[in-house]
Amino acid sequence: MYSYSYKSISFLLIMEERCKICGKEGCKKHSALFEGVKKITEFSGSSPPEIFVGRWNYPNVYTGILSPQNQFGDTELFSSQELWHQKKLKMQEIINLRTKLIYGRARTNVKKALEYSWNKSFLKTMQEVAMASHSIAAEFKLLKPIIEKHKEKESYVPIIKNAALVKSVRLEENPIIERKIDYLVNDTDVKSTTAMLELEKTNIKTSTIIKILSAGLLGLGSRRKLVPTRWAITAVDDTLSKAKLKRIKESPEISEILLFNAEYLGNHYEFLLLPDKWSFEVIEINQRNPNLFWHDYETFFPRKTYAESVTGAYYANRLALCEYLEKIRRQASCVVFREIDPSIYSQSMGVGILRQISREAFIKTPEKFSCLNEALARIQSRIKLPLSFFAEKSAILKNYKKQTRIDSWISL
């Protein structure tokens, strides 16, 4: 036990070496939470590339670029949810990466961003970062030094812990931009929906399309404006899946019950596909507290309201499903079961992670069943909560069990 007084210089020096959470010297467990927090007024680094447009106090929101300090070259791993999932990074590894990023931001009116000369320069730089297909080095000068953690409270994107008002940003190299992106960004006569679909056809990543839309680079010239990242994520997932649904709903139904599953970072997914006309339902339950659940669904007819309960994950799950059904040229009724383990998924890693887990499920060979009860029993063997917690909330399962399908009459 140390006997230094609070006024003692030696005590202060020792406390600097001690963890600010547990008090242990050389603590590695919590070091990532404080790493990189320095009183700096300028820095350089390679943006992954990543931008973020907030939604708080819309239309006067914070917009900016994320970049690590003094790290150059390929920094895509700091930002790419696709890479995190591909490499199966652990939660702490992702937190370590995200903690090193600094969010250089400025207050911007999304509807009047181009009316002021400083905003024009800052916005142009941010848009170039959004279009870049590789990491790009930039120099940041800040209005105030970073002296503590400022967390962006937005569950749609991975954690953003360091935010600072920026004075200026200058790119230190020319961005590399895909030809199709450059073409559609410069074509101000193409609607944003058309542009998103064209970008997808040329295998541009969903996350890249989201960045470009958020940066105000798609749509008719007179209507272009910055889009809060949260809204851009849902808009892209919704738009791409709706286009696929037009074709899917004209396809024949699947002929047997199919089951897909995937798990990552404490998120366990089961996708149950039933032979029926298109309908879609997502049920999410917290493993530790079953009373904490989220539920949304749609019938054959399009949703007219936003999925207020499940929110962005609903559209990410639906996009992954539609990609699969379009590929096999079939339609189906789908119930999505998501069991969340909060001891692992302790912080939101963004909607992109859930999209990638869903896509992983549909890459696998499906399990096939002739009986619904067999499929449900298989799901129960993989989840920890009683399946009844999910089933009692499912509108699709209740309706499916009541139906007498024409197939059963034909077989008599």
Foldseek 3Di string as FASTA:
>chain_A
DDDDDPPDPVVVVQQVQADPPPRHGPDPVCVLVPPPQDFDQKFKFWPCWDKFWADPPPQFTKIFTKGFGPYYDNLVLLFDLLVCVVVQPAPVVNSSSQSRIATAIATARQVCQPVDPQSVQRLVVLLQSLQFPGIFMKMWGFPGTRRAWDWDPDLQAATHTHYTHTDDMGTPDGGDGDPLLVVQLPPQVDAQLVSLVVCVVVVDDLVSSLSNQQSQRHGHPVPTTHDGSLVSLQVSLQSLLVVLLVQQQVFAFDDFWWWWWFDGQQKTKIKIWARDGEKEKEKEAEPVDRVDIFIDIGDNDDDPDARVGVGSLRSLLSSLVSVLCSVVRHHTYIYMYIYGHCVRPVGRNRSSNSSSRSNVRSVDDIDTDRDPVVVLVVVCVPDDDPCCSVVVPDPVNVVVVPDDDVVVVVVD
